[in-house]
Amino acid sequence: SQEAKDAIQQATVRWLFEACILVQGQAI
């Protein structure tokens, strides 16, 4: 379960960074 939680955490962080970069670029 901890490995699964860690994988979900890492995927979520990656998604947040990439999503923010998309929104930032469009806002600019």
mmCIF file of all heavy atoms, coordinates in Angstrom:
data_MODEL
# 
_entry.id   MODEL 
# 
loop_
_atom_site.group_PDB 
_atom_site.id 
_atom_site.type_symbol 
_atom_site.label_atom_id 
_atom_site.label_alt_id 
_atom_site.label_comp_id 
_atom_site.label_asym_id 
_atom_site.label_entity_id 
_atom_site.label_seq_id 
_atom_site.pdbx_PDB_ins_code 
_atom_site.Cartn_x 
_atom_site.Cartn_y 
_atom_site.Cartn_z 
_atom_site.occupancy 
_atom_site.B_iso_or_equiv 
_atom_site.pdbx_formal_charge 
_atom_site.auth_seq_id 
_atom_site.auth_comp_id 
_atom_site.auth_asym_id 
_atom_site.auth_atom_id 
_atom_site.pdbx_PDB_model_num 
ATOM 1   N N   . SER A 1 1  ? 0.820  -1.213 0.000   1.00 0.00 ? 1  SER A N   1 
ATOM 2   C CA  . SER A 1 1  ? 0.000  0.000  0.000   1.00 0.00 ? 1  SER A CA  1 
ATOM 3   C C   . SER A 1 1  ? 0.857  1.268  0.000   1.00 0.00 ? 1  SER A C   1 
ATOM 4   O O   . SER A 1 1  ? 0.508  2.249  -0.645  1.00 0.00 ? 1  SER A O   1 
ATOM 5   C CB  . SER A 1 1  ? -0.980 0.015  1.168   1.00 0.00 ? 1  SER A CB  1 
ATOM 6   O OG  . SER A 1 1  ? -0.290 -0.012 2.400   1.00 0.00 ? 1  SER A OG  1 
ATOM 7   N N   . GLN A 1 2  ? 1.978  1.257  0.700   1.00 0.00 ? 2  GLN A N   1 
ATOM 8   C CA  . GLN A 1 2  ? 2.826  2.458  0.734   1.00 0.00 ? 2  GLN A CA  1 
ATOM 9   C C   . GLN A 1 2  ? 3.431  2.735  -0.636  1.00 0.00 ? 2  GLN A C   1 
ATOM 10  O O   . GLN A 1 2  ? 3.501  3.880  -1.065  1.00 0.00 ? 2  GLN A O   1 
ATOM 11  C CB  . GLN A 1 2  ? 3.930  2.341  1.793   1.00 0.00 ? 2  GLN A CB  1 
ATOM 12  C CG  . GLN A 1 2  ? 4.662  3.646  2.027   1.00 0.00 ? 2  GLN A CG  1 
ATOM 13  C CD  . GLN A 1 2  ? 3.721  4.787  2.437   1.00 0.00 ? 2  GLN A CD  1 
ATOM 14  O OE1 . GLN A 1 2  ? 2.903  4.654  3.353   1.00 0.00 ? 2  GLN A OE1 1 
ATOM 15  N NE2 . GLN A 1 2  ? 3.801  5.914  1.735   1.00 0.00 ? 2  GLN A NE2 1 
ATOM 16  N N   . GLU A 1 3  ? 3.851  1.683  -1.343  1.00 0.00 ? 3  GLU A N   1 
ATOM 17  C CA  . GLU A 1 3  ? 4.376  1.876  -2.698  1.00 0.00 ? 3  GLU A CA  1 
ATOM 18  C C   . GLU A 1 3  ? 3.302  2.452  -3.614  1.00 0.00 ? 3  GLU A C   1 
ATOM 19  O O   . GLU A 1 3  ? 3.582  3.324  -4.443  1.00 0.00 ? 3  GLU A O   1 
ATOM 20  C CB  . GLU A 1 3  ? 4.917  0.563  -3.286  1.00 0.00 ? 3  GLU A CB  1 
ATOM 21  C CG  . GLU A 1 3  ? 6.204  0.093  -2.653  1.00 0.00 ? 3  GLU A CG  1 
ATOM 22  C CD  . GLU A 1 3  ? 5.975  -0.931 -1.548  1.00 0.00 ? 3  GLU A CD  1 
ATOM 23  O OE1 . GLU A 1 3  ? 4.811  -1.129 -1.116  1.00 0.00 ? 3  GLU A OE1 1 
ATOM 24  O OE2 . GLU A 1 3  ? 6.962  -1.512 -1.087  1.00 0.00 ? 3  GLU A OE2 1 
ATOM 25  N N   . ALA A 1 4  ? 2.072  1.974  -3.448  1.00 0.00 ? 4  ALA A N   1 
ATOM 26  C CA  . ALA A 1 4  ? 0.958  2.493  -4.256  1.00 0.00 ? 4  ALA A CA  1 
ATOM 27  C C   . ALA A 1 4  ? 0.696  3.955  -3.923  1.00 0.00 ? 4  ALA A C   1 
ATOM 28  O O   . ALA A 1 4  ? 0.522  4.787  -4.827  1.00 0.00 ? 4  ALA A O   1 
ATOM 29  C CB  . ALA A 1 4  ? -0.295 1.658  -4.028  1.00 0.00 ? 4  ALA A CB  1 
ATOM 30  N N   . LYS A 1 5  ? 0.697  4.292  -2.647  1.00 0.00 ? 5  LYS A N   1 
ATOM 31  C CA  . LYS A 1 5  ? 0.485  5.688  -2.239  1.00 0.00 ? 5  LYS A CA  1 
ATOM 32  C C   . LYS A 1 5  ? 1.596  6.578  -2.771  1.00 0.00 ? 5  LYS A C   1 
ATOM 33  O O   . LYS A 1 5  ? 1.335  7.692  -3.242  1.00 0.00 ? 5  LYS A O   1 
ATOM 34  C CB  . LYS A 1 5  ? 0.416  5.793  -0.709  1.00 0.00 ? 5  LYS A CB  1 
ATOM 35  C CG  . LYS A 1 5  ? -0.838 5.226  -0.108  1.00 0.00 ? 5  LYS A CG  1 
ATOM 36  C CD  . LYS A 1 5  ? -0.784 5.302  1.414   1.00 0.00 ? 5  LYS A CD  1 
ATOM 37  C CE  . LYS A 1 5  ? -1.966 4.614  2.050   1.00 0.00 ? 5  LYS A CE  1 
ATOM 38  N NZ  . LYS A 1 5  ? -1.892 4.639  3.519   1.00 0.00 ? 5  LYS A NZ  1 
ATOM 39  N N   . ASP A 1 6  ? 2.827  6.102  -2.702  1.00 0.00 ? 6  ASP A N   1 
ATOM 40  C CA  . ASP A 1 6  ? 3.958  6.877  -3.213  1.00 0.00 ? 6  ASP A CA  1 
ATOM 41  C C   . ASP A 1 6  ? 3.841  7.093  -4.725  1.00 0.00 ? 6  ASP A C   1 
ATOM 42  O O   . ASP A 1 6  ? 4.127  8.188  -5.227  1.00 0.00 ? 6  ASP A O   1 
ATOM 43  C CB  . ASP A 1 6  ? 5.286  6.188  -2.893  1.00 0.00 ? 6  ASP A CB  1 
ATOM 44  C CG  . ASP A 1 6  ? 5.620  6.211  -1.403  1.00 0.00 ? 6  ASP A CG  1 
ATOM 45  O OD1 . ASP A 1 6  ? 4.988  6.995  -0.654  1.00 0.00 ? 6  ASP A OD1 1 
ATOM 46  O OD2 . ASP A 1 6  ? 6.511  5.433  -0.993  1.00 0.00 ? 6  ASP A OD2 1 
ATOM 47  N N   . ALA A 1 7  ? 3.429  6.079  -5.446  1.00 0.00 ? 7  ALA A N   1 
ATOM 48  C CA  . ALA A 1 7  ? 3.266  6.201  -6.905  1.00 0.00 ? 7  ALA A CA  1 
ATOM 49  C C   . ALA A 1 7  ? 2.169  7.202  -7.245  1.00 0.00 ? 7  ALA A C   1 
ATOM 50  O O   . ALA A 1 7  ? 2.328  8.020  -8.162  1.00 0.00 ? 7  ALA A O   1 
ATOM 51  C CB  . ALA A 1 7  ? 2.957  4.837  -7.520  1.00 0.00 ? 7  ALA A CB  1 
ATOM 52  N N   . ILE A 1 8  ? 1.086  7.175  -6.494  1.00 0.00 ? 8  ILE A N   1 
ATOM 53  C CA  . ILE A 1 8  ? -0.013 8.129  -6.718  1.00 0.00 ? 8  ILE A CA  1 
ATOM 54  C C   . ILE A 1 8  ? 0.466  9.548  -6.412  1.00 0.00 ? 8  ILE A C   1 
ATOM 55  O O   . ILE A 1 8  ? 0.191  10.486 -7.162  1.00 0.00 ? 8  ILE A O   1 
ATOM 56  C CB  . ILE A 1 8  ? -1.245 7.759  -5.867  1.00 0.00 ? 8  ILE A CB  1 
ATOM 57  C CG1 . ILE A 1 8  ? -1.854 6.449  -6.377  1.00 0.00 ? 8  ILE A CG1 1 
ATOM 58  C CG2 . ILE A 1 8  ? -2.271 8.885  -5.882  1.00 0.00 ? 8  ILE A CG2 1 
ATOM 59  C CD1 . ILE A 1 8  ? -2.890 5.849  -5.455  1.00 0.00 ? 8  ILE A CD1 1 
ATOM 60  N N   . GLN A 1 9  ? 1.198  9.712  -5.322  1.00 0.00 ? 9  GLN A N   1 
ATOM 61  C CA  . GLN A 1 9  ? 1.740  11.021 -4.937  1.00 0.00 ? 9  GLN A CA  1 
ATOM 62  C C   . GLN A 1 9  ? 2.658  11.558 -6.040  1.00 0.00 ? 9  GLN A C   1 
ATOM 63  O O   . GLN A 1 9  ? 2.532  12.713 -6.461  1.00 0.00 ? 9  GLN A O   1 
ATOM 64  C CB  . GLN A 1 9  ? 2.511  10.900 -3.617  1.00 0.00 ? 9  GLN A CB  1 
ATOM 65  C CG  . GLN A 1 9  ? 3.296  12.125 -3.220  1.00 0.00 ? 9  GLN A CG  1 
ATOM 66  C CD  . GLN A 1 9  ? 2.532  13.096 -2.350  1.00 0.00 ? 9  GLN A CD  1 
ATOM 67  O OE1 . GLN A 1 9  ? 1.448  12.791 -1.882  1.00 0.00 ? 9  GLN A OE1 1 
ATOM 68  N NE2 . GLN A 1 9  ? 3.080  14.260 -2.166  1.00 0.00 ? 9  GLN A NE2 1 
ATOM 69  N N   . GLN A 1 10 ? 3.584  10.739 -6.512  1.00 0.00 ? 10 GLN A N   1 
ATOM 70  C CA  . GLN A 1 10 ? 4.524  11.169 -7.545  1.00 0.00 ? 10 GLN A CA  1 
ATOM 71  C C   . GLN A 1 10 ? 3.808  11.526 -8.839  1.00 0.00 ? 10 GLN A C   1 
ATOM 72  O O   . GLN A 1 10 ? 4.144  12.522 -9.494  1.00 0.00 ? 10 GLN A O   1 
ATOM 73  C CB  . GLN A 1 10 ? 5.567  10.082 -7.803  1.00 0.00 ? 10 GLN A CB  1 
ATOM 74  C CG  . GLN A 1 10 ? 6.530  9.906  -6.655  1.00 0.00 ? 10 GLN A CG  1 
ATOM 75  C CD  . GLN A 1 10 ? 7.427  8.681  -6.843  1.00 0.00 ? 10 GLN A CD  1 
ATOM 76  O OE1 . GLN A 1 10 ? 7.313  7.934  -7.804  1.00 0.00 ? 10 GLN A OE1 1 
ATOM 77  N NE2 . GLN A 1 10 ? 8.329  8.475  -5.891  1.00 0.00 ? 10 GLN A NE2 1 
ATOM 78  N N   . ALA A 1 11 ? 2.821  10.725 -9.215  1.00 0.00 ? 11 ALA A N   1 
ATOM 79  C CA  . ALA A 1 11 ? 2.062  11.008 -10.438 1.00 0.00 ? 11 ALA A CA  1 
ATOM 80  C C   . ALA A 1 11 ? 1.285  12.307 -10.299 1.00 0.00 ? 11 ALA A C   1 
ATOM 81  O O   . ALA A 1 11 ? 1.227  13.116 -11.234 1.00 0.00 ? 11 ALA A O   1 
ATOM 82  C CB  . ALA A 1 11 ? 1.123  9.850  -10.754 1.00 0.00 ? 11 ALA A CB  1 
ATOM 83  N N   . THR A 1 12 ? 0.708  12.529 -9.129  1.00 0.00 ? 12 THR A N   1 
ATOM 84  C CA  . THR A 1 12 ? -0.074 13.748 -8.898  1.00 0.00 ? 12 THR A CA  1 
ATOM 85  C C   . THR A 1 12 ? 0.821  14.978 -8.952  1.00 0.00 ? 12 THR A C   1 
ATOM 86  O O   . THR A 1 12 ? 0.469  15.992 -9.572  1.00 0.00 ? 12 THR A O   1 
ATOM 87  C CB  . THR A 1 12 ? -0.804 13.672 -7.547  1.00 0.00 ? 12 THR A CB  1 
ATOM 88  O OG1 . THR A 1 12 ? -1.632 12.504 -7.532  1.00 0.00 ? 12 THR A OG1 1 
ATOM 89  C CG2 . THR A 1 12 ? -1.659 14.903 -7.318  1.00 0.00 ? 12 THR A CG2 1 
ATOM 90  N N   . VAL A 1 13 ? 1.973  14.911 -8.337  1.00 0.00 ? 13 VAL A N   1 
ATOM 91  C CA  . VAL A 1 13 ? 2.908  16.043 -8.352  1.00 0.00 ? 13 VAL A CA  1 
ATOM 92  C C   . VAL A 1 13 ? 3.347  16.327 -9.784  1.00 0.00 ? 13 VAL A C   1 
ATOM 93  O O   . VAL A 1 13 ? 3.369  17.487 -10.224 1.00 0.00 ? 13 VAL A O   1 
ATOM 94  C CB  . VAL A 1 13 ? 4.116  15.771 -7.420  1.00 0.00 ? 13 VAL A CB  1 
ATOM 95  C CG1 . VAL A 1 13 ? 5.221  16.786 -7.636  1.00 0.00 ? 13 VAL A CG1 1 
ATOM 96  C CG2 . VAL A 1 13 ? 3.669  15.772 -5.964  1.00 0.00 ? 13 VAL A CG2 1 
ATOM 97  N N   . ARG A 1 14 ? 3.677  15.286 -10.531 1.00 0.00 ? 14 ARG A N   1 
ATOM 98  C CA  . ARG A 1 14 ? 4.078  15.464 -11.937 1.00 0.00 ? 14 ARG A CA  1 
ATOM 99  C C   . ARG A 1 14 ? 2.961  16.136 -12.725 1.00 0.00 ? 14 ARG A C   1 
ATOM 100 O O   . ARG A 1 14 ? 3.192  17.072 -13.488 1.00 0.00 ? 14 ARG A O   1 
ATOM 101 C CB  . ARG A 1 14 ? 4.426  14.110 -12.554 1.00 0.00 ? 14 ARG A CB  1 
ATOM 102 C CG  . ARG A 1 14 ? 4.803  14.202 -14.000 1.00 0.00 ? 14 ARG A CG  1 
ATOM 103 C CD  . ARG A 1 14 ? 5.194  12.856 -14.574 1.00 0.00 ? 14 ARG A CD  1 
ATOM 104 N NE  . ARG A 1 14 ? 5.136  12.901 -16.020 1.00 0.00 ? 14 ARG A NE  1 
ATOM 105 C CZ  . ARG A 1 14 ? 4.943  11.866 -16.781 1.00 0.00 ? 14 ARG A CZ  1 
ATOM 106 N NH1 . ARG A 1 14 ? 4.817  10.654 -16.264 1.00 0.00 ? 14 ARG A NH1 1 
ATOM 107 N NH2 . ARG A 1 14 ? 4.883  11.994 -18.085 1.00 0.00 ? 14 ARG A NH2 1 
ATOM 108 N N   . TRP A 1 15 ? 1.730  15.651 -12.530 1.00 0.00 ? 15 TRP A N   1 
ATOM 109 C CA  . TRP A 1 15 ? 0.574  16.220 -13.239 1.00 0.00 ? 15 TRP A CA  1 
ATOM 110 C C   . TRP A 1 15 ? 0.378  17.682 -12.858 1.00 0.00 ? 15 TRP A C   1 
ATOM 111 O O   . TRP A 1 15 ? 0.132  18.528 -13.722 1.00 0.00 ? 15 TRP A O   1 
ATOM 112 C CB  . TRP A 1 15 ? -0.676 15.403 -12.937 1.00 0.00 ? 15 TRP A CB  1 
ATOM 113 C CG  . TRP A 1 15 ? -1.921 16.009 -13.470 1.00 0.00 ? 15 TRP A CG  1 
ATOM 114 C CD1 . TRP A 1 15 ? -2.299 16.106 -14.780 1.00 0.00 ? 15 TRP A CD1 1 
ATOM 115 C CD2 . TRP A 1 15 ? -2.955 16.636 -12.711 1.00 0.00 ? 15 TRP A CD2 1 
ATOM 116 N NE1 . TRP A 1 15 ? -3.514 16.748 -14.876 1.00 0.00 ? 15 TRP A NE1 1 
ATOM 117 C CE2 . TRP A 1 15 ? -3.933 17.075 -13.620 1.00 0.00 ? 15 TRP A CE2 1 
ATOM 118 C CE3 . TRP A 1 15 ? -3.149 16.843 -11.350 1.00 0.00 ? 15 TRP A CE3 1 
ATOM 119 C CZ2 . TRP A 1 15 ? -5.089 17.736 -13.200 1.00 0.00 ? 15 TRP A CZ2 1 
ATOM 120 C CZ3 . TRP A 1 15 ? -4.302 17.488 -10.939 1.00 0.00 ? 15 TRP A CZ3 1 
ATOM 121 C CH2 . TRP A 1 15 ? -5.249 17.927 -11.873 1.00 0.00 ? 15 TRP A CH2 1 
ATOM 122 N N   . LEU A 1 16 ? 0.491  18.008 -11.574 1.00 0.00 ? 16 LEU A N   1 
ATOM 123 C CA  . LEU A 1 16 ? 0.308  19.393 -11.134 1.00 0.00 ? 16 LEU A CA  1 
ATOM 124 C C   . LEU A 1 16 ? 1.335  20.321 -11.774 1.00 0.00 ? 16 LEU A C   1 
ATOM 125 O O   . LEU A 1 16 ? 0.988  21.404 -12.247 1.00 0.00 ? 16 LEU A O   1 
ATOM 126 C CB  . LEU A 1 16 ? 0.384  19.494 -9.610  1.00 0.00 ? 16 LEU A CB  1 
ATOM 127 C CG  . LEU A 1 16 ? -0.837 19.001 -8.844  1.00 0.00 ? 16 LEU A CG  1 
ATOM 128 C CD1 . LEU A 1 16 ? -0.532 18.908 -7.360  1.00 0.00 ? 16 LEU A CD1 1 
ATOM 129 C CD2 . LEU A 1 16 ? -2.037 19.893 -9.103  1.00 0.00 ? 16 LEU A CD2 1 
ATOM 130 N N   . PHE A 1 17 ? 2.594  19.896 -11.790 1.00 0.00 ? 17 PHE A N   1 
ATOM 131 C CA  . PHE A 1 17 ? 3.627  20.732 -12.420 1.00 0.00 ? 17 PHE A CA  1 
ATOM 132 C C   . PHE A 1 17 ? 3.314  20.953 -13.895 1.00 0.00 ? 17 PHE A C   1 
ATOM 133 O O   . PHE A 1 17 ? 3.359  22.084 -14.396 1.00 0.00 ? 17 PHE A O   1 
ATOM 134 C CB  . PHE A 1 17 ? 5.022  20.107 -12.262 1.00 0.00 ? 17 PHE A CB  1 
ATOM 135 C CG  . PHE A 1 17 ? 5.719  20.501 -10.999 1.00 0.00 ? 17 PHE A CG  1 
ATOM 136 C CD1 . PHE A 1 17 ? 5.808  19.613 -9.932  1.00 0.00 ? 17 PHE A CD1 1 
ATOM 137 C CD2 . PHE A 1 17 ? 6.288  21.758 -10.858 1.00 0.00 ? 17 PHE A CD2 1 
ATOM 138 C CE1 . PHE A 1 17 ? 6.454  19.968 -8.761  1.00 0.00 ? 17 PHE A CE1 1 
ATOM 139 C CE2 . PHE A 1 17 ? 6.937  22.124 -9.689  1.00 0.00 ? 17 PHE A CE2 1 
ATOM 140 C CZ  . PHE A 1 17 ? 7.023  21.223 -8.635  1.00 0.00 ? 17 PHE A CZ  1 
ATOM 141 N N   . GLU A 1 18 ? 2.992  19.897 -14.601 1.00 0.00 ? 18 GLU A N   1 
ATOM 142 C CA  . GLU A 1 18 ? 2.740  20.017 -16.033 1.00 0.00 ? 18 GLU A CA  1 
ATOM 143 C C   . GLU A 1 18 ? 1.465  20.824 -16.319 1.00 0.00 ? 18 GLU A C   1 
ATOM 144 O O   . GLU A 1 18 ? 1.428  21.618 -17.257 1.00 0.00 ? 18 GLU A O   1 
ATOM 145 C CB  . GLU A 1 18 ? 2.696  18.638 -16.678 1.00 0.00 ? 18 GLU A CB  1 
ATOM 146 C CG  . GLU A 1 18 ? 4.073  17.978 -16.657 1.00 0.00 ? 18 GLU A CG  1 
ATOM 147 C CD  . GLU A 1 18 ? 4.163  16.696 -17.453 1.00 0.00 ? 18 GLU A CD  1 
ATOM 148 O OE1 . GLU A 1 18 ? 3.395  16.531 -18.430 1.00 0.00 ? 18 GLU A OE1 1 
ATOM 149 O OE2 . GLU A 1 18 ? 5.001  15.852 -17.105 1.00 0.00 ? 18 GLU A OE2 1 
ATOM 150 N N   . ALA A 1 19 ? 0.443  20.649 -15.491 1.00 0.00 ? 19 ALA A N   1 
ATOM 151 C CA  . ALA A 1 19 ? -0.793 21.417 -15.658 1.00 0.00 ? 19 ALA A CA  1 
ATOM 152 C C   . ALA A 1 19 ? -0.542 22.902 -15.397 1.00 0.00 ? 19 ALA A C   1 
ATOM 153 O O   . ALA A 1 19 ? -1.014 23.767 -16.148 1.00 0.00 ? 19 ALA A O   1 
ATOM 154 C CB  . ALA A 1 19 ? -1.876 20.890 -14.720 1.00 0.00 ? 19 ALA A CB  1 
ATOM 155 N N   . CYS A 1 20 ? 0.217  23.206 -14.358 1.00 0.00 ? 20 CYS A N   1 
ATOM 156 C CA  . CYS A 1 20 ? 0.533  24.607 -14.050 1.00 0.00 ? 20 CYS A CA  1 
ATOM 157 C C   . CYS A 1 20 ? 1.330  25.251 -15.180 1.00 0.00 ? 20 CYS A C   1 
ATOM 158 O O   . CYS A 1 20 ? 1.097  26.412 -15.521 1.00 0.00 ? 20 CYS A O   1 
ATOM 159 C CB  . CYS A 1 20 ? 1.292  24.703 -12.735 1.00 0.00 ? 20 CYS A CB  1 
ATOM 160 S SG  . CYS A 1 20 ? 0.267  24.458 -11.269 1.00 0.00 ? 20 CYS A SG  1 
ATOM 161 N N   . ILE A 1 21 ? 2.250  24.511 -15.754 1.00 0.00 ? 21 ILE A N   1 
ATOM 162 C CA  . ILE A 1 21 ? 3.038  25.042 -16.873 1.00 0.00 ? 21 ILE A CA  1 
ATOM 163 C C   . ILE A 1 21 ? 2.132  25.365 -18.054 1.00 0.00 ? 21 ILE A C   1 
ATOM 164 O O   . ILE A 1 21 ? 2.288  26.406 -18.710 1.00 0.00 ? 21 ILE A O   1 
ATOM 165 C CB  . ILE A 1 21 ? 4.155  24.057 -17.265 1.00 0.00 ? 21 ILE A CB  1 
ATOM 166 C CG1 . ILE A 1 21 ? 5.223  24.034 -16.162 1.00 0.00 ? 21 ILE A CG1 1 
ATOM 167 C CG2 . ILE A 1 21 ? 4.770  24.412 -18.615 1.00 0.00 ? 21 ILE A CG2 1 
ATOM 168 C CD1 . ILE A 1 21 ? 6.225  22.893 -16.282 1.00 0.00 ? 21 ILE A CD1 1 
ATOM 169 N N   . LEU A 1 22 ? 1.153  24.510 -18.329 1.00 0.00 ? 22 LEU A N   1 
ATOM 170 C CA  . LEU A 1 22 ? 0.201  24.778 -19.414 1.00 0.00 ? 22 LEU A CA  1 
ATOM 171 C C   . LEU A 1 22 ? -0.592 26.053 -19.152 1.00 0.00 ? 22 LEU A C   1 
ATOM 172 O O   . LEU A 1 22 ? -0.723 26.914 -20.034 1.00 0.00 ? 22 LEU A O   1 
ATOM 173 C CB  . LEU A 1 22 ? -0.779 23.607 -19.572 1.00 0.00 ? 22 LEU A CB  1 
ATOM 174 C CG  . LEU A 1 22 ? -0.266 22.350 -20.243 1.00 0.00 ? 22 LEU A CG  1 
ATOM 175 C CD1 . LEU A 1 22 ? -1.307 21.235 -20.139 1.00 0.00 ? 22 LEU A CD1 1 
ATOM 176 C CD2 . LEU A 1 22 ? 0.060  22.622 -21.701 1.00 0.00 ? 22 LEU A CD2 1 
ATOM 177 N N   . VAL A 1 23 ? -1.141 26.179 -17.945 1.00 0.00 ? 23 VAL A N   1 
ATOM 178 C CA  . VAL A 1 23 ? -1.954 27.348 -17.608 1.00 0.00 ? 23 VAL A CA  1 
ATOM 179 C C   . VAL A 1 23 ? -1.084 28.608 -17.604 1.00 0.00 ? 23 VAL A C   1 
ATOM 180 O O   . VAL A 1 23 ? -1.490 29.651 -18.121 1.00 0.00 ? 23 VAL A O   1 
ATOM 181 C CB  . VAL A 1 23 ? -2.670 27.160 -16.255 1.00 0.00 ? 23 VAL A CB  1 
ATOM 182 C CG1 . VAL A 1 23 ? -3.418 28.426 -15.860 1.00 0.00 ? 23 VAL A CG1 1 
ATOM 183 C CG2 . VAL A 1 23 ? -3.633 25.978 -16.325 1.00 0.00 ? 23 VAL A CG2 1 
ATOM 184 N N   . GLN A 1 24 ? 0.108  28.513 -17.045 1.00 0.00 ? 24 GLN A N   1 
ATOM 185 C CA  . GLN A 1 24 ? 1.008  29.664 -17.020 1.00 0.00 ? 24 GLN A CA  1 
ATOM 186 C C   . GLN A 1 24 ? 1.294  30.160 -18.436 1.00 0.00 ? 24 GLN A C   1 
ATOM 187 O O   . GLN A 1 24 ? 1.203  31.354 -18.719 1.00 0.00 ? 24 GLN A O   1 
ATOM 188 C CB  . GLN A 1 24 ? 2.319  29.309 -16.336 1.00 0.00 ? 24 GLN A CB  1 
ATOM 189 C CG  . GLN A 1 24 ? 3.334  30.444 -16.366 1.00 0.00 ? 24 GLN A CG  1 
ATOM 190 C CD  . GLN A 1 24 ? 4.754  29.986 -16.147 1.00 0.00 ? 24 GLN A CD  1 
ATOM 191 O OE1 . GLN A 1 24 ? 5.106  28.839 -16.441 1.00 0.00 ? 24 GLN A OE1 1 
ATOM 192 N NE2 . GLN A 1 24 ? 5.580  30.871 -15.615 1.00 0.00 ? 24 GLN A NE2 1 
ATOM 193 N N   . GLY A 1 25 ? 1.622  29.256 -19.327 1.00 0.00 ? 25 GLY A N   1 
ATOM 194 C CA  . GLY A 1 25 ? 1.928  29.647 -20.706 1.00 0.00 ? 25 GLY A CA  1 
ATOM 195 C C   . GLY A 1 25 ? 0.760  30.330 -21.384 1.00 0.00 ? 25 GLY A C   1 
ATOM 196 O O   . GLY A 1 25 ? 0.923  31.350 -22.066 1.00 0.00 ? 25 GLY A O   1 
ATOM 197 N N   . GLN A 1 26 ? -0.445 29.798 -21.184 1.00 0.00 ? 26 GLN A N   1 
ATOM 198 C CA  . GLN A 1 26 ? -1.633 30.399 -21.796 1.00 0.00 ? 26 GLN A CA  1 
ATOM 199 C C   . GLN A 1 26 ? -1.934 31.749 -21.166 1.00 0.00 ? 26 GLN A C   1 
ATOM 200 O O   . GLN A 1 26 ? -2.315 32.694 -21.868 1.00 0.00 ? 26 GLN A O   1 
ATOM 201 C CB  . GLN A 1 26 ? -2.830 29.457 -21.662 1.00 0.00 ? 26 GLN A CB  1 
ATOM 202 C CG  . GLN A 1 26 ? -4.044 29.878 -22.432 1.00 0.00 ? 26 GLN A CG  1 
ATOM 203 C CD  . GLN A 1 26 ? -3.801 29.873 -23.936 1.00 0.00 ? 26 GLN A CD  1 
ATOM 204 O OE1 . GLN A 1 26 ? -3.035 29.078 -24.468 1.00 0.00 ? 26 GLN A OE1 1 
ATOM 205 N NE2 . GLN A 1 26 ? -4.459 30.761 -24.637 1.00 0.00 ? 26 GLN A NE2 1 
ATOM 206 N N   . ALA A 1 27 ? -1.768 31.871 -19.850 1.00 0.00 ? 27 ALA A N   1 
ATOM 207 C CA  . ALA A 1 27 ? -2.013 33.152 -19.174 1.00 0.00 ? 27 ALA A CA  1 
ATOM 208 C C   . ALA A 1 27 ? -1.058 34.221 -19.683 1.00 0.00 ? 27 ALA A C   1 
ATOM 209 O O   . ALA A 1 27 ? -1.451 35.370 -19.896 1.00 0.00 ? 27 ALA A O   1 
ATOM 210 C CB  . ALA A 1 27 ? -1.877 32.988 -17.655 1.00 0.00 ? 27 ALA A CB  1 
ATOM 211 N N   . ILE A 1 28 ? 0.183  33.866 -19.914 1.00 0.00 ? 28 ILE A N   1 
ATOM 212 C CA  . ILE A 1 28 ? 1.161  34.820 -20.445 1.00 0.00 ? 28 ILE A CA  1 
ATOM 213 C C   . ILE A 1 28 ? 0.731  35.288 -21.834 1.00 0.00 ? 28 ILE A C   1 
ATOM 214 O O   . ILE A 1 28 ? 0.814  36.473 -22.157 1.00 0.00 ? 28 ILE A O   1 
ATOM 215 C CB  . ILE A 1 28 ? 2.571  34.199 -20.461 1.00 0.00 ? 28 ILE A CB  1 
ATOM 216 C CG1 . ILE A 1 28 ? 3.090  34.068 -19.029 1.00 0.00 ? 28 ILE A CG1 1 
ATOM 217 C CG2 . ILE A 1 28 ? 3.526  35.037 -21.306 1.00 0.00 ? 28 ILE A CG2 1 
ATOM 218 C CD1 . ILE A 1 28 ? 4.357  33.242 -18.885 1.00 0.00 ? 28 ILE A CD1 1 
# 
